[in-house]
Amino acid sequence: MSKNSLGLKINGKDYTLDADPNMPVLWAIRDIVGLTGTKFGCGAGLCGACTVHVDGQPQRACLTSLKQVQGKQVTTIEGLTFEPLKRAWREHNVPQCGYCQAGQLMSAAALLTQTAQPTERQIDEAMAGNLCRCGTYTRIKAAIQTASGQKVSQTDARSESEQEAQA
């Protein structure tokens, strides 16, 4: 493994890392820099747990190498400053186990930055690559709608199990 001195800008702070340029950003963020909010999920870019922003665009940190982010701004969950979204997440009790939440929030924030009031279809498309084993998808959608200032119906705001219990 060849190591180089690489510059990395994370959450507005500059880091110099002695690391292989092919190392996934995920491992640099977690193991070298020590920011552990970004989670390892599948390692294949399929689950979204490791989602970060690279120059404002959601990227899977497990598939993105250090050389790919040279000269770019990487934002992790620790650097996310989207307070309306965080408030809506709490208001709708989105987290269950919490493991996927960093990636979910990063994808949702990217969507809301690009589309202030997304349609349900746009939310579904933007969030499709983020898996939640606890199944809080209806709460996630409701939180995104709330953060965008849209009205959320009672049915949309309830979890699937709550809806089934009332049926």
N, C-alpha and C. Protein backbone atom coordinates (compact mmCIF):
# COMPACT_ATOMS: atom_id res chain seq x y z
N MET A 1 0.85 -1.17 0.00
CA MET A 1 0.00 0.00 0.00
C MET A 1 0.90 1.24 0.00
N SER A 2 0.69 2.11 -0.95
CA SER A 2 1.47 3.34 -1.09
C SER A 2 0.81 4.45 -0.29
N LYS A 3 1.58 5.12 0.54
CA LYS A 3 1.03 6.22 1.33
C LYS A 3 1.55 7.53 0.78
N ASN A 4 0.69 8.52 0.84
CA ASN A 4 1.02 9.88 0.41
C ASN A 4 0.51 10.84 1.46
N SER A 5 1.06 12.04 1.43
CA SER A 5 0.54 13.10 2.28
C SER A 5 -0.59 13.77 1.51
N LEU A 6 -1.80 13.60 2.02
CA LEU A 6 -2.99 14.10 1.33
C LEU A 6 -3.70 15.15 2.16
N GLY A 7 -4.16 16.18 1.48
CA GLY A 7 -4.95 17.21 2.15
C GLY A 7 -6.42 16.84 2.09
N LEU A 8 -7.11 17.04 3.20
CA LEU A 8 -8.53 16.73 3.26
C LEU A 8 -9.22 17.83 4.03
N LYS A 9 -10.31 18.33 3.48
CA LYS A 9 -11.08 19.38 4.16
C LYS A 9 -12.40 18.76 4.59
N ILE A 10 -12.58 18.64 5.91
CA ILE A 10 -13.79 18.04 6.47
C ILE A 10 -14.45 19.05 7.41
N ASN A 11 -15.71 19.32 7.15
CA ASN A 11 -16.49 20.23 8.00
C ASN A 11 -15.79 21.57 8.19
N GLY A 12 -15.13 22.04 7.12
CA GLY A 12 -14.47 23.34 7.14
C GLY A 12 -13.08 23.35 7.76
N LYS A 13 -12.60 22.21 8.21
CA LYS A 13 -11.28 22.13 8.83
C LYS A 13 -10.33 21.35 7.92
N ASP A 14 -9.10 21.84 7.80
CA ASP A 14 -8.10 21.19 6.96
C ASP A 14 -7.34 20.13 7.75
N TYR A 15 -7.14 18.98 7.10
CA TYR A 15 -6.38 17.86 7.67
C TYR A 15 -5.32 17.44 6.66
N THR A 16 -4.17 17.03 7.15
CA THR A 16 -3.15 16.41 6.32
C THR A 16 -3.00 14.98 6.80
N LEU A 17 -3.23 14.04 5.89
CA LEU A 17 -3.22 12.64 6.24
C LEU A 17 -2.13 11.90 5.49
N ASP A 18 -1.43 11.03 6.18
CA ASP A 18 -0.50 10.12 5.52
C ASP A 18 -1.29 8.85 5.27
N ALA A 19 -1.83 8.72 4.07
CA ALA A 19 -2.72 7.60 3.77
C ALA A 19 -2.64 7.25 2.29
N ASP A 20 -3.08 6.06 1.99
CA ASP A 20 -3.18 5.60 0.62
C ASP A 20 -4.26 6.43 -0.08
N PRO A 21 -3.96 7.01 -1.24
CA PRO A 21 -4.96 7.81 -1.95
C PRO A 21 -6.20 7.01 -2.36
N ASN A 22 -6.09 5.69 -2.39
CA ASN A 22 -7.24 4.84 -2.74
C ASN A 22 -8.07 4.44 -1.53
N MET A 23 -7.66 4.86 -0.34
CA MET A 23 -8.43 4.55 0.87
C MET A 23 -9.80 5.21 0.78
N PRO A 24 -10.86 4.47 1.12
CA PRO A 24 -12.18 5.10 1.16
C PRO A 24 -12.22 6.22 2.19
N VAL A 25 -12.88 7.30 1.82
CA VAL A 25 -13.03 8.45 2.70
C VAL A 25 -13.63 8.03 4.05
N LEU A 26 -14.51 7.05 4.03
CA LEU A 26 -15.14 6.57 5.26
C LEU A 26 -14.10 6.23 6.32
N TRP A 27 -13.07 5.49 5.94
CA TRP A 27 -12.07 5.05 6.91
C TRP A 27 -11.18 6.20 7.35
N ALA A 28 -10.92 7.14 6.45
CA ALA A 28 -10.15 8.32 6.84
C ALA A 28 -10.94 9.15 7.85
N ILE A 29 -12.22 9.35 7.58
CA ILE A 29 -13.07 10.13 8.48
C ILE A 29 -13.16 9.47 9.86
N ARG A 30 -13.43 8.19 9.88
CA ARG A 30 -13.64 7.48 11.14
C ARG A 30 -12.34 7.16 11.87
N ASP A 31 -11.41 6.51 11.18
CA ASP A 31 -10.23 5.95 11.85
C ASP A 31 -9.06 6.91 12.00
N ILE A 32 -8.92 7.84 11.07
CA ILE A 32 -7.78 8.77 11.15
C ILE A 32 -8.22 10.08 11.80
N VAL A 33 -9.31 10.66 11.31
CA VAL A 33 -9.76 11.96 11.83
C VAL A 33 -10.53 11.79 13.14
N GLY A 34 -11.22 10.65 13.31
CA GLY A 34 -11.92 10.39 14.57
C GLY A 34 -13.36 10.86 14.63
N LEU A 35 -13.95 11.16 13.48
CA LEU A 35 -15.36 11.54 13.43
C LEU A 35 -16.17 10.27 13.16
N THR A 36 -16.85 9.78 14.15
CA THR A 36 -17.49 8.46 14.04
C THR A 36 -18.99 8.51 13.76
N GLY A 37 -19.54 9.67 13.47
CA GLY A 37 -20.96 9.76 13.15
C GLY A 37 -21.32 9.10 11.84
N THR A 38 -20.41 9.14 10.88
CA THR A 38 -20.62 8.48 9.59
C THR A 38 -20.41 6.99 9.82
N LYS A 39 -21.41 6.19 9.49
CA LYS A 39 -21.38 4.76 9.82
C LYS A 39 -20.97 3.89 8.64
N PHE A 40 -20.36 2.75 8.96
CA PHE A 40 -20.11 1.71 7.98
C PHE A 40 -21.32 0.80 7.99
N GLY A 41 -21.89 0.58 6.82
CA GLY A 41 -23.05 -0.30 6.73
C GLY A 41 -22.72 -1.53 5.92
N CYS A 42 -22.74 -1.38 4.62
CA CYS A 42 -22.56 -2.54 3.73
C CYS A 42 -21.20 -2.57 3.05
N GLY A 43 -20.55 -1.43 2.91
CA GLY A 43 -19.27 -1.37 2.22
C GLY A 43 -19.38 -1.44 0.71
N ALA A 44 -20.59 -1.46 0.19
CA ALA A 44 -20.81 -1.56 -1.26
C ALA A 44 -21.65 -0.41 -1.81
N GLY A 45 -21.91 0.61 -1.01
CA GLY A 45 -22.68 1.76 -1.47
C GLY A 45 -24.16 1.51 -1.63
N LEU A 46 -24.67 0.46 -1.01
CA LEU A 46 -26.06 0.08 -1.20
C LEU A 46 -26.99 0.55 -0.09
N CYS A 47 -26.47 0.76 1.11
CA CYS A 47 -27.36 1.04 2.25
C CYS A 47 -27.47 2.52 2.61
N GLY A 48 -26.49 3.33 2.27
CA GLY A 48 -26.54 4.76 2.54
C GLY A 48 -26.11 5.19 3.92
N ALA A 49 -25.74 4.27 4.80
CA ALA A 49 -25.34 4.64 6.16
C ALA A 49 -24.12 5.55 6.19
N CYS A 50 -23.28 5.46 5.17
CA CYS A 50 -22.04 6.22 5.13
C CYS A 50 -22.14 7.51 4.32
N THR A 51 -23.34 7.97 4.02
CA THR A 51 -23.52 9.14 3.17
C THR A 51 -22.92 10.39 3.80
N VAL A 52 -22.10 11.07 3.01
CA VAL A 52 -21.54 12.37 3.36
C VAL A 52 -21.82 13.31 2.19
N HIS A 53 -21.53 14.58 2.34
CA HIS A 53 -21.63 15.52 1.22
C HIS A 53 -20.22 15.81 0.73
N VAL A 54 -20.04 15.79 -0.56
CA VAL A 54 -18.80 16.21 -1.20
C VAL A 54 -19.18 17.39 -2.09
N ASP A 55 -18.70 18.57 -1.71
CA ASP A 55 -19.11 19.81 -2.38
C ASP A 55 -20.64 19.90 -2.48
N GLY A 56 -21.32 19.52 -1.40
CA GLY A 56 -22.76 19.64 -1.30
C GLY A 56 -23.57 18.51 -1.90
N GLN A 57 -22.93 17.56 -2.55
CA GLN A 57 -23.63 16.44 -3.18
C GLN A 57 -23.49 15.19 -2.32
N PRO A 58 -24.58 14.44 -2.14
CA PRO A 58 -24.47 13.21 -1.34
C PRO A 58 -23.59 12.17 -2.05
N GLN A 59 -22.67 11.59 -1.30
CA GLN A 59 -21.76 10.56 -1.82
C GLN A 59 -21.67 9.45 -0.79
N ARG A 60 -21.44 8.24 -1.26
CA ARG A 60 -21.21 7.12 -0.36
C ARG A 60 -19.73 7.11 -0.01
N ALA A 61 -19.43 7.35 1.25
CA ALA A 61 -18.04 7.46 1.70
C ALA A 61 -17.30 6.13 1.62
N CYS A 62 -18.03 5.02 1.61
CA CYS A 62 -17.38 3.71 1.51
C CYS A 62 -16.84 3.45 0.10
N LEU A 63 -17.37 4.16 -0.90
CA LEU A 63 -16.95 3.97 -2.29
C LEU A 63 -16.12 5.12 -2.84
N THR A 64 -16.03 6.20 -2.08
CA THR A 64 -15.32 7.39 -2.53
C THR A 64 -13.91 7.39 -1.96
N SER A 65 -12.92 7.48 -2.82
CA SER A 65 -11.52 7.42 -2.36
C SER A 65 -11.03 8.81 -1.95
N LEU A 66 -9.95 8.81 -1.19
CA LEU A 66 -9.34 10.08 -0.79
C LEU A 66 -8.92 10.90 -2.00
N LYS A 67 -8.39 10.24 -3.03
CA LYS A 67 -7.95 11.01 -4.21
C LYS A 67 -9.13 11.67 -4.91
N GLN A 68 -10.33 11.12 -4.78
CA GLN A 68 -11.51 11.71 -5.41
C GLN A 68 -12.00 12.97 -4.71
N VAL A 69 -11.60 13.17 -3.48
CA VAL A 69 -12.08 14.35 -2.74
C VAL A 69 -11.00 15.41 -2.55
N GLN A 70 -9.86 15.23 -3.19
CA GLN A 70 -8.80 16.23 -3.10
C GLN A 70 -9.31 17.56 -3.64
N GLY A 71 -9.14 18.62 -2.86
CA GLY A 71 -9.57 19.94 -3.26
C GLY A 71 -11.07 20.19 -3.09
N LYS A 72 -11.77 19.25 -2.49
CA LYS A 72 -13.22 19.39 -2.31
C LYS A 72 -13.56 19.45 -0.82
N GLN A 73 -14.73 19.97 -0.53
CA GLN A 73 -15.22 20.06 0.84
C GLN A 73 -16.06 18.84 1.17
N VAL A 74 -15.68 18.12 2.22
CA VAL A 74 -16.44 16.97 2.70
C VAL A 74 -17.18 17.41 3.96
N THR A 75 -18.47 17.13 3.99
CA THR A 75 -19.27 17.45 5.17
C THR A 75 -19.83 16.14 5.71
N THR A 76 -19.62 15.92 6.99
CA THR A 76 -20.14 14.74 7.67
C THR A 76 -21.34 15.15 8.53
N ILE A 77 -21.97 14.19 9.16
CA ILE A 77 -23.11 14.48 10.02
C ILE A 77 -22.72 15.44 11.14
N GLU A 78 -21.47 15.37 11.59
CA GLU A 78 -21.02 16.29 12.65
C GLU A 78 -20.99 17.74 12.17
N GLY A 79 -20.87 17.95 10.86
CA GLY A 79 -20.82 19.30 10.30
C GLY A 79 -22.14 19.76 9.71
N LEU A 80 -23.17 18.93 9.75
CA LEU A 80 -24.46 19.30 9.17
C LEU A 80 -25.13 20.36 10.03
N THR A 81 -25.47 21.48 9.42
CA THR A 81 -26.08 22.60 10.14
C THR A 81 -27.47 22.91 9.60
N PHE A 82 -28.28 21.91 9.40
CA PHE A 82 -29.62 22.06 8.83
C PHE A 82 -30.61 21.88 9.97
N GLU A 83 -30.75 22.92 10.80
CA GLU A 83 -31.55 22.82 12.02
C GLU A 83 -33.03 22.51 11.79
N PRO A 84 -33.70 23.07 10.77
CA PRO A 84 -35.11 22.70 10.57
C PRO A 84 -35.29 21.19 10.34
N LEU A 85 -34.35 20.58 9.64
CA LEU A 85 -34.43 19.15 9.39
C LEU A 85 -34.20 18.37 10.68
N LYS A 86 -33.23 18.77 11.45
CA LYS A 86 -32.96 18.08 12.72
C LYS A 86 -34.15 18.19 13.68
N ARG A 87 -34.77 19.38 13.72
CA ARG A 87 -35.97 19.57 14.56
C ARG A 87 -37.10 18.66 14.10
N ALA A 88 -37.32 18.60 12.79
CA ALA A 88 -38.40 17.77 12.24
C ALA A 88 -38.12 16.29 12.52
N TRP A 89 -36.86 15.90 12.48
CA TRP A 89 -36.48 14.50 12.77
C TRP A 89 -36.90 14.13 14.18
N ARG A 90 -36.64 15.06 15.13
CA ARG A 90 -37.02 14.82 16.52
C ARG A 90 -38.54 14.86 16.69
N GLU A 91 -39.18 15.84 16.05
CA GLU A 91 -40.63 16.01 16.16
C GLU A 91 -41.38 14.75 15.70
N HIS A 92 -40.89 14.10 14.66
CA HIS A 92 -41.55 12.91 14.12
C HIS A 92 -40.98 11.61 14.69
N ASN A 93 -40.13 11.72 15.70
CA ASN A 93 -39.55 10.54 16.34
C ASN A 93 -38.99 9.55 15.32
N VAL A 94 -38.20 10.06 14.40
CA VAL A 94 -37.69 9.22 13.31
C VAL A 94 -36.75 8.13 13.81
N PRO A 95 -35.74 8.44 14.62
CA PRO A 95 -34.77 7.39 14.95
C PRO A 95 -35.36 6.26 15.78
N GLN A 96 -35.01 5.06 15.43
CA GLN A 96 -35.32 3.90 16.24
C GLN A 96 -33.98 3.41 16.80
N CYS A 97 -33.30 2.54 16.07
CA CYS A 97 -31.98 2.11 16.54
C CYS A 97 -30.95 3.21 16.28
N GLY A 98 -31.20 4.05 15.28
CA GLY A 98 -30.34 5.19 15.01
C GLY A 98 -29.18 4.94 14.07
N TYR A 99 -28.91 3.72 13.71
CA TYR A 99 -27.71 3.42 12.93
C TYR A 99 -27.70 4.11 11.57
N CYS A 100 -28.82 4.14 10.90
CA CYS A 100 -28.87 4.71 9.55
C CYS A 100 -29.09 6.21 9.56
N GLN A 101 -29.35 6.79 10.70
CA GLN A 101 -29.82 8.17 10.76
C GLN A 101 -28.86 9.20 10.18
N ALA A 102 -27.57 9.05 10.38
CA ALA A 102 -26.62 10.02 9.82
C ALA A 102 -26.75 10.05 8.30
N GLY A 103 -26.77 8.89 7.68
CA GLY A 103 -26.90 8.83 6.23
C GLY A 103 -28.25 9.35 5.76
N GLN A 104 -29.30 9.02 6.49
CA GLN A 104 -30.64 9.50 6.14
C GLN A 104 -30.69 11.03 6.18
N LEU A 105 -30.16 11.60 7.26
CA LEU A 105 -30.15 13.06 7.40
C LEU A 105 -29.32 13.73 6.31
N MET A 106 -28.18 13.14 5.97
CA MET A 106 -27.33 13.73 4.94
C MET A 106 -28.03 13.71 3.58
N SER A 107 -28.70 12.62 3.25
CA SER A 107 -29.44 12.54 1.98
C SER A 107 -30.62 13.51 1.97
N ALA A 108 -31.33 13.59 3.09
CA ALA A 108 -32.48 14.50 3.18
C ALA A 108 -32.03 15.96 3.07
N ALA A 109 -30.94 16.30 3.72
CA ALA A 109 -30.43 17.67 3.65
C ALA A 109 -30.02 18.03 2.23
N ALA A 110 -29.39 17.11 1.52
CA ALA A 110 -29.00 17.37 0.13
C ALA A 110 -30.24 17.60 -0.73
N LEU A 111 -31.27 16.79 -0.51
CA LEU A 111 -32.52 16.96 -1.26
C LEU A 111 -33.11 18.33 -1.01
N LEU A 112 -33.22 18.71 0.26
CA LEU A 112 -33.85 19.99 0.60
C LEU A 112 -33.02 21.18 0.17
N THR A 113 -31.73 21.01 0.04
CA THR A 113 -30.87 22.09 -0.46
C THR A 113 -31.12 22.29 -1.95
N GLN A 114 -31.35 21.20 -2.66
CA GLN A 114 -31.58 21.26 -4.11
C GLN A 114 -33.03 21.57 -4.46
N THR A 115 -33.97 21.12 -3.63
CA THR A 115 -35.40 21.27 -3.90
C THR A 115 -36.09 21.67 -2.60
N ALA A 116 -36.44 22.94 -2.48
CA ALA A 116 -36.97 23.46 -1.21
C ALA A 116 -38.25 22.76 -0.76
N GLN A 117 -39.14 22.44 -1.69
CA GLN A 117 -40.39 21.76 -1.33
C GLN A 117 -40.59 20.57 -2.26
N PRO A 118 -39.89 19.48 -1.97
CA PRO A 118 -39.97 18.32 -2.85
C PRO A 118 -41.33 17.63 -2.80
N THR A 119 -41.69 17.03 -3.91
CA THR A 119 -42.90 16.22 -3.96
C THR A 119 -42.63 14.89 -3.26
N GLU A 120 -43.68 14.12 -3.00
CA GLU A 120 -43.48 12.80 -2.40
C GLU A 120 -42.61 11.93 -3.29
N ARG A 121 -42.82 12.03 -4.58
CA ARG A 121 -42.01 11.24 -5.52
C ARG A 121 -40.53 11.64 -5.44
N GLN A 122 -40.27 12.94 -5.38
CA GLN A 122 -38.88 13.40 -5.27
C GLN A 122 -38.24 12.93 -3.97
N ILE A 123 -39.01 12.93 -2.89
CA ILE A 123 -38.50 12.42 -1.61
C ILE A 123 -38.18 10.93 -1.75
N ASP A 124 -39.12 10.19 -2.29
CA ASP A 124 -38.90 8.74 -2.47
C ASP A 124 -37.65 8.47 -3.30
N GLU A 125 -37.48 9.21 -4.39
CA GLU A 125 -36.33 9.00 -5.27
C GLU A 125 -35.02 9.37 -4.57
N ALA A 126 -35.02 10.49 -3.86
CA ALA A 126 -33.79 10.95 -3.19
C ALA A 126 -33.39 10.02 -2.05
N MET A 127 -34.38 9.42 -1.39
CA MET A 127 -34.10 8.61 -0.21
C MET A 127 -34.03 7.11 -0.52
N ALA A 128 -34.26 6.73 -1.77
CA ALA A 128 -34.33 5.32 -2.15
C ALA A 128 -33.06 4.55 -1.83
N GLY A 129 -31.93 5.17 -1.86
CA GLY A 129 -30.68 4.48 -1.59
C GLY A 129 -30.30 4.39 -0.13
N ASN A 130 -31.17 4.86 0.75
CA ASN A 130 -30.90 4.80 2.18
C ASN A 130 -31.84 3.78 2.82
N LEU A 131 -31.26 2.74 3.37
CA LEU A 131 -32.04 1.68 4.00
C LEU A 131 -32.18 1.91 5.50
N CYS A 132 -33.35 1.56 6.02
CA CYS A 132 -33.62 1.65 7.45
C CYS A 132 -34.18 0.30 7.88
N ARG A 133 -33.41 -0.43 8.64
CA ARG A 133 -33.87 -1.74 9.09
C ARG A 133 -35.06 -1.67 10.03
N CYS A 134 -35.23 -0.53 10.69
CA CYS A 134 -36.35 -0.37 11.60
C CYS A 134 -37.64 0.00 10.87
N GLY A 135 -37.53 0.40 9.61
CA GLY A 135 -38.70 0.70 8.81
C GLY A 135 -39.39 2.02 9.11
N THR A 136 -38.63 3.05 9.43
CA THR A 136 -39.23 4.34 9.76
C THR A 136 -39.43 5.23 8.53
N TYR A 137 -39.63 4.63 7.39
CA TYR A 137 -39.74 5.38 6.14
C TYR A 137 -40.86 6.41 6.14
N THR A 138 -42.01 6.10 6.72
CA THR A 138 -43.11 7.07 6.73
C THR A 138 -42.75 8.26 7.63
N ARG A 139 -42.05 8.01 8.71
CA ARG A 139 -41.63 9.11 9.59
C ARG A 139 -40.55 9.96 8.92
N ILE A 140 -39.66 9.31 8.19
CA ILE A 140 -38.61 10.04 7.47
C ILE A 140 -39.26 10.98 6.45
N LYS A 141 -40.21 10.46 5.68
CA LYS A 141 -40.89 11.29 4.68
C LYS A 141 -41.62 12.44 5.36
N ALA A 142 -42.31 12.17 6.46
CA ALA A 142 -43.04 13.22 7.18
C ALA A 142 -42.08 14.29 7.70
N ALA A 143 -40.93 13.88 8.20
CA ALA A 143 -39.95 14.84 8.71
C ALA A 143 -39.41 15.72 7.58
N ILE A 144 -39.17 15.14 6.44
CA ILE A 144 -38.68 15.92 5.30
C ILE A 144 -39.75 16.92 4.86
N GLN A 145 -41.00 16.48 4.82
CA GLN A 145 -42.09 17.39 4.46
C GLN A 145 -42.21 18.52 5.48
N THR A 146 -42.12 18.20 6.76
CA THR A 146 -42.19 19.22 7.80
C THR A 146 -41.05 20.22 7.67
N ALA A 147 -39.84 19.72 7.47
CA ALA A 147 -38.67 20.59 7.34
C ALA A 147 -38.79 21.51 6.13
N SER A 148 -39.52 21.08 5.11
CA SER A 148 -39.69 21.90 3.91
C SER A 148 -40.88 22.84 4.01
N GLY A 149 -41.58 22.78 5.14
CA GLY A 149 -42.72 23.66 5.35
C GLY A 149 -44.02 23.14 4.78
N GLN A 150 -44.04 21.90 4.35
CA GLN A 150 -45.25 21.31 3.78
C GLN A 150 -46.11 20.70 4.88
N LYS A 151 -47.38 20.66 4.62
CA LYS A 151 -48.32 20.05 5.56
C LYS A 151 -48.23 18.52 5.43
N VAL A 152 -48.23 17.85 6.58
CA VAL A 152 -48.14 16.39 6.62
C VAL A 152 -49.48 15.86 7.11
N SER A 153 -50.03 14.92 6.36
CA SER A 153 -51.30 14.33 6.80
C SER A 153 -51.06 13.41 7.98
N GLN A 154 -52.07 13.19 8.79
CA GLN A 154 -51.95 12.31 9.96
C GLN A 154 -51.52 10.91 9.53
N THR A 155 -52.04 10.43 8.42
CA THR A 155 -51.69 9.10 7.95
C THR A 155 -50.21 9.02 7.61
N ASP A 156 -49.68 10.04 6.94
CA ASP A 156 -48.27 10.05 6.57
C ASP A 156 -47.36 10.11 7.79
N ALA A 157 -47.82 10.77 8.85
CA ALA A 157 -46.98 10.98 10.02
C ALA A 157 -46.91 9.76 10.93
N ARG A 158 -47.86 8.84 10.80
CA ARG A 158 -47.86 7.66 11.67
C ARG A 158 -47.01 6.56 11.08
N SER A 159 -46.45 5.77 11.93
CA SER A 159 -45.66 4.64 11.45
C SER A 159 -46.60 3.60 10.85
N GLU A 160 -46.04 2.73 10.03
CA GLU A 160 -46.83 1.67 9.41
C GLU A 160 -47.49 0.78 10.45
N SER A 161 -46.78 0.48 11.54
CA SER A 161 -47.37 -0.38 12.58
C SER A 161 -48.52 0.31 13.28
N GLU A 162 -48.41 1.64 13.48
CA GLU A 162 -49.52 2.39 14.08
C GLU A 162 -50.73 2.38 13.16
N GLN A 163 -50.50 2.50 11.84
CA GLN A 163 -51.59 2.47 10.88
C GLN A 163 -52.25 1.10 10.87
N GLU A 164 -51.46 0.03 10.94
CA GLU A 164 -52.03 -1.33 10.95
C GLU A 164 -52.83 -1.58 12.21
N ALA A 165 -52.37 -1.04 13.35
CA ALA A 165 -53.06 -1.26 14.62
C ALA A 165 -54.44 -0.61 14.60
N GLN A 166 -54.56 0.50 13.87
CA GLN A 166 -55.86 1.19 13.81
C GLN A 166 -56.78 0.59 12.76
N ALA A 167 -56.26 -0.26 11.90
CA ALA A 167 -57.08 -0.84 10.82
C ALA A 167 -57.99 -1.94 11.33
